[in-house]
Protein backbone atom coordinates (compact mmCIF):
# COMPACT_ATOMS: atom_id res chain seq x y z
CA MET A 1 -18.13 47.18 9.82
CA ILE A 2 -16.33 44.23 7.47
CA GLN A 3 -12.72 44.55 6.79
CA ILE A 4 -10.46 43.85 4.47
CA GLU A 5 -6.46 43.32 4.60
CA GLY A 6 -4.30 42.38 1.62
CA PHE A 7 -1.32 40.00 1.92
CA VAL A 8 1.34 39.57 -0.72
CA THR A 9 2.56 35.66 -0.96
CA GLY A 10 4.77 33.64 -2.98
CA VAL A 11 6.65 33.99 -6.48
CA ALA A 12 3.39 34.91 -8.24
CA GLN A 13 3.15 38.18 -5.65
CA GLU A 14 -0.25 36.85 -5.54
CA ASN A 15 -2.52 38.87 -2.84
CA CYS A 16 -4.51 36.63 -0.45
CA TYR A 17 -7.43 38.65 1.59
CA LEU A 18 -8.29 38.53 5.10
CA ILE A 19 -11.57 39.65 5.50
CA HIS A 20 -13.20 40.14 8.94
CA ASN A 21 -16.15 41.25 11.15
CA GLU A 22 -15.76 41.68 15.01
CA GLN A 23 -15.73 37.91 16.02
CA ASN A 24 -15.63 35.86 12.30
CA LEU A 25 -12.32 35.91 9.47
CA LEU A 26 -12.79 34.77 5.88
CA ILE A 27 -9.58 33.56 3.62
CA VAL A 28 -9.57 34.69 0.34
CA ASP A 29 -7.32 32.96 -1.97
CA PRO A 30 -4.48 31.90 0.17
CA GLY A 31 -1.65 31.51 -2.57
CA ALA A 32 1.35 30.80 -0.58
CA GLU A 33 3.39 31.15 2.67
CA GLY A 34 0.98 29.92 5.12
CA ASP A 35 3.12 30.30 8.20
CA ARG A 36 3.06 33.78 7.27
CA LEU A 37 -0.97 33.75 6.70
CA ALA A 38 -1.37 32.14 9.89
CA ALA A 39 0.44 34.35 12.07
CA GLU A 40 -1.15 37.29 10.77
CA ILE A 41 -4.37 35.73 11.23
CA LYS A 42 -3.60 35.36 15.13
CA ARG A 43 -2.75 39.10 14.98
CA VAL A 44 -6.11 39.83 13.87
CA GLY A 45 -7.81 37.48 16.28
CA LYS A 46 -10.88 36.53 14.77
CA LYS A 47 -11.79 32.89 14.12
CA PRO A 48 -11.38 31.72 10.57
CA GLN A 49 -14.85 30.57 9.01
CA ALA A 50 -13.83 29.40 5.67
CA ILE A 51 -11.52 29.52 2.80
CA LEU A 52 -12.76 31.40 -0.39
CA LEU A 53 -11.57 30.88 -3.83
CA THR A 54 -11.91 33.14 -7.07
CA HIS A 55 -10.56 30.51 -8.98
CA THR A 56 -7.80 27.71 -8.31
CA HIS A 57 -4.56 28.70 -10.28
CA TYR A 58 -1.50 27.35 -8.08
CA ASP A 59 -0.62 30.79 -7.00
CA HIS A 60 -4.26 30.99 -5.50
CA ILE A 61 -4.19 28.21 -3.81
CA GLY A 62 -0.77 26.95 -2.14
CA ALA A 63 -1.60 27.86 1.22
CA VAL A 64 -5.22 25.92 1.31
CA GLU A 65 -4.06 22.51 2.64
CA GLN A 66 -2.52 24.34 5.53
CA LEU A 67 -4.73 26.81 6.66
CA ARG A 68 -7.91 24.01 6.26
CA LYS A 69 -6.04 22.08 8.70
CA LEU A 70 -4.79 24.27 11.28
CA TYR A 71 -8.64 25.62 11.49
CA ASP A 72 -10.63 23.10 10.36
CA ILE A 73 -12.19 24.87 8.08
CA PRO A 74 -14.06 24.28 4.70
CA VAL A 75 -12.95 25.13 1.05
CA TYR A 76 -15.58 26.80 -1.13
CA VAL A 77 -14.96 27.04 -4.80
CA SER A 78 -16.38 27.11 -8.30
CA PRO A 79 -17.90 23.88 -9.71
CA LEU A 80 -16.39 24.69 -12.93
CA GLU A 81 -12.84 24.28 -11.46
CA GLN A 82 -13.65 22.03 -8.70
CA LYS A 83 -11.18 18.91 -10.04
CA TRP A 84 -8.58 21.49 -11.01
CA LEU A 85 -7.48 21.54 -7.43
CA GLY A 86 -6.33 18.13 -7.33
CA ASP A 87 -4.88 18.46 -10.88
CA PRO A 88 -1.41 20.13 -11.17
CA ILE A 89 -2.35 20.64 -15.04
CA LEU A 90 -5.06 22.30 -14.45
CA ASN A 91 -3.89 24.07 -11.55
CA LEU A 92 -0.31 24.95 -13.89
CA SER A 93 1.50 24.03 -10.90
CA GLY A 94 2.84 20.94 -12.80
CA LEU A 95 3.32 22.83 -16.39
CA GLY A 96 6.87 22.56 -17.32
CA ARG A 97 8.12 26.25 -16.90
CA HIS A 98 7.06 25.67 -12.98
CA ASP A 99 9.85 23.12 -12.48
CA ASP A 100 11.00 25.00 -10.09
CA MET A 101 7.86 24.07 -7.76
CA PRO A 102 6.05 20.82 -6.29
CA ASP A 103 2.58 19.52 -7.84
CA LEU A 104 0.18 20.91 -6.45
CA ILE A 105 -2.50 18.40 -5.12
CA VAL A 106 -4.95 20.16 -3.05
CA ARG A 107 -8.16 17.85 -1.73
CA PRO A 108 -11.71 18.63 -2.92
CA ALA A 109 -13.20 21.29 -1.82
CA GLU A 110 -16.14 20.57 0.50
CA PHE A 111 -18.79 23.12 -1.32
CA GLU A 112 -19.01 24.51 -4.59
CA PHE A 113 -20.24 27.88 -4.95
CA GLU A 114 -23.92 28.71 -6.72
CA LEU A 115 -24.39 32.32 -7.67
CA LYS A 116 -26.21 33.67 -4.64
CA GLU A 117 -26.08 35.62 -1.58
CA TYR A 118 -24.02 33.87 1.24
CA THR A 119 -23.56 34.22 4.59
CA ILE A 120 -20.61 33.18 6.55
CA GLY A 121 -19.80 33.93 10.30
CA GLY A 122 -22.48 36.75 9.96
CA MET A 123 -20.61 38.20 6.68
CA THR A 124 -22.91 38.65 3.40
CA PHE A 125 -21.79 38.44 -0.09
CA GLN A 126 -22.86 37.68 -3.49
CA VAL A 127 -21.26 35.27 -5.82
CA VAL A 128 -21.10 36.37 -9.57
CA PRO A 129 -19.26 34.91 -12.18
CA THR A 130 -16.34 36.35 -13.77
CA PRO A 131 -14.87 33.77 -16.26
CA GLY A 132 -12.45 34.56 -18.76
CA HIS A 133 -8.80 34.03 -17.00
CA SER A 134 -10.48 30.86 -16.01
CA ILE A 135 -13.74 29.25 -16.73
CA GLY A 136 -14.70 28.92 -13.06
CA SER A 137 -13.54 32.54 -11.84
CA VAL A 138 -15.80 34.03 -9.56
CA SER A 139 -15.94 37.38 -7.94
CA PHE A 140 -17.46 38.31 -3.75
CA ILE A 141 -19.54 41.44 -3.77
CA PHE A 142 -19.84 42.86 -0.14
CA ASP A 143 -21.25 45.56 0.54
CA ASN A 144 -18.37 48.04 1.03
CA PHE A 145 -15.84 46.43 -1.51
CA VAL A 146 -15.85 43.77 -3.94
CA VAL A 147 -12.78 40.92 -4.54
CA VAL A 148 -12.45 40.29 -8.05
CA GLY A 149 -9.59 37.77 -8.79
CA ASP A 150 -7.73 37.63 -11.80
CA ALA A 151 -10.85 39.06 -13.44
CA LEU A 152 -9.50 42.73 -13.30
CA PHE A 153 -6.20 44.61 -12.20
CA LYS A 154 -5.93 48.49 -11.69
CA GLY A 155 -5.21 49.57 -15.50
CA SER A 156 -5.54 46.05 -16.62
CA ILE A 157 -7.28 42.99 -16.45
CA GLY A 158 -6.20 38.79 -16.34
CA ARG A 159 -4.40 36.95 -18.62
CA THR A 160 -6.32 35.38 -21.67
CA ASP A 161 -3.46 32.92 -23.06
CA LEU A 162 -3.99 30.12 -20.07
CA TYR A 163 -6.30 27.52 -20.30
CA THR A 164 -9.69 27.73 -20.71
CA GLY A 165 -8.94 31.30 -21.18
CA ASP A 166 -11.55 33.75 -23.39
CA LEU A 167 -10.74 37.50 -23.75
CA GLN A 168 -14.34 38.55 -25.26
CA GLN A 169 -16.02 36.68 -22.44
CA LEU A 170 -13.80 38.57 -19.95
CA LEU A 171 -14.52 41.74 -20.89
CA TYR A 172 -18.00 40.78 -21.21
CA SER A 173 -17.51 39.52 -17.75
CA VAL A 174 -16.32 42.68 -16.13
CA LYS A 175 -18.59 45.00 -18.15
CA THR A 176 -21.68 42.97 -17.23
CA TYR A 177 -21.01 41.93 -13.38
CA LEU A 178 -18.63 44.27 -12.28
CA PHE A 179 -19.12 47.50 -14.04
CA THR A 180 -22.50 47.74 -13.14
CA LEU A 181 -21.27 47.95 -9.32
CA PRO A 182 -21.29 51.40 -7.67
CA ARG A 183 -18.27 53.79 -9.13
CA GLU A 184 -16.97 54.45 -5.19
CA LEU A 185 -16.81 50.45 -4.66
CA PRO A 186 -13.26 49.51 -3.93
CA ALA A 187 -11.88 46.46 -5.95
CA TYR A 188 -9.06 44.24 -4.59
CA PRO A 189 -7.80 42.27 -7.14
CA GLY A 190 -5.68 38.74 -6.91
CA HIS A 191 -2.41 40.82 -8.01
CA GLY A 192 -1.35 44.60 -7.66
CA PRO A 193 -2.90 47.56 -5.68
CA ALA A 194 -6.47 48.03 -5.13
CA THR A 195 -8.60 50.49 -7.43
CA THR A 196 -12.07 51.43 -7.21
CA ILE A 197 -14.53 50.22 -10.08
CA GLY A 198 -15.30 54.12 -11.50
CA GLN A 199 -11.68 54.05 -11.66
CA GLU A 200 -11.60 51.43 -14.26
CA ILE A 201 -14.77 52.65 -15.91
CA ASP A 202 -13.00 55.57 -16.70
CA THR A 203 -8.94 54.91 -17.09
CA ASN A 204 -8.66 50.81 -17.95
CA PRO A 205 -7.26 50.72 -21.75
CA PHE A 206 -9.44 47.79 -22.14
CA PHE A 207 -12.33 49.49 -21.93
CA ASN A 208 -11.59 52.91 -23.48
C-alpha cells in the first residue's frame, strides 16, 4: 500500500509530500525547510528515490538542491519549466516583491516528464498536464490519491495572474484531467487541506 504524508513548509505555507511504500520514498515539491524534511524522511525510514515537481515556482523548489545532494537522487520536471529552475525571474524568487529571499537557482532536472505512466521505487503513477497556474504544471495520479499541485485547492483553484497563467486553460485542465477521476479519490494540493474529487465537483465555486 502506498502512503502519503504532507508537510507545510516555508513562508508560502506550501505542502511538500512524502509518498512511500514498504521500501522506497518519493519527495514531491520540497518547497523549503530541507533539514526538517530530511528529519521526517529519516523518521519514515524509507529510501528516497526521486524528487517530483508539479511545477517550479520558488515555494515548491526551495529545498530541491539540499535534498537531491543529501540523497543523490534525480529530479523530474515538466520540459516546459525545465529552464525555470535556474531562472529566478521565472521561478518568481527574483521578483521585487521577494527581496526578502535569495534568488533561487536550481540545477537542471535530470529527467523531463513525459505524459505517461511511471514506476519509480515500485510506485506507479500517471503524469497528466494541468496547466493554467503555470504552463508546465502537472498532476500525479496514483491508485489511491492524486497530487494536484497548485491546479486545484479545497474550494478554490490556483492563481492565474502569474507568468503563463491562464484561467480558461486552468478550468479546462481541472475538468478534463481531474474531474474525470473517481469521485472518492483524495486530492492533495500544493497549499491548504486535502479534499476529494467529488467534493470539488459538487462545491468548488469556480465550477458551480
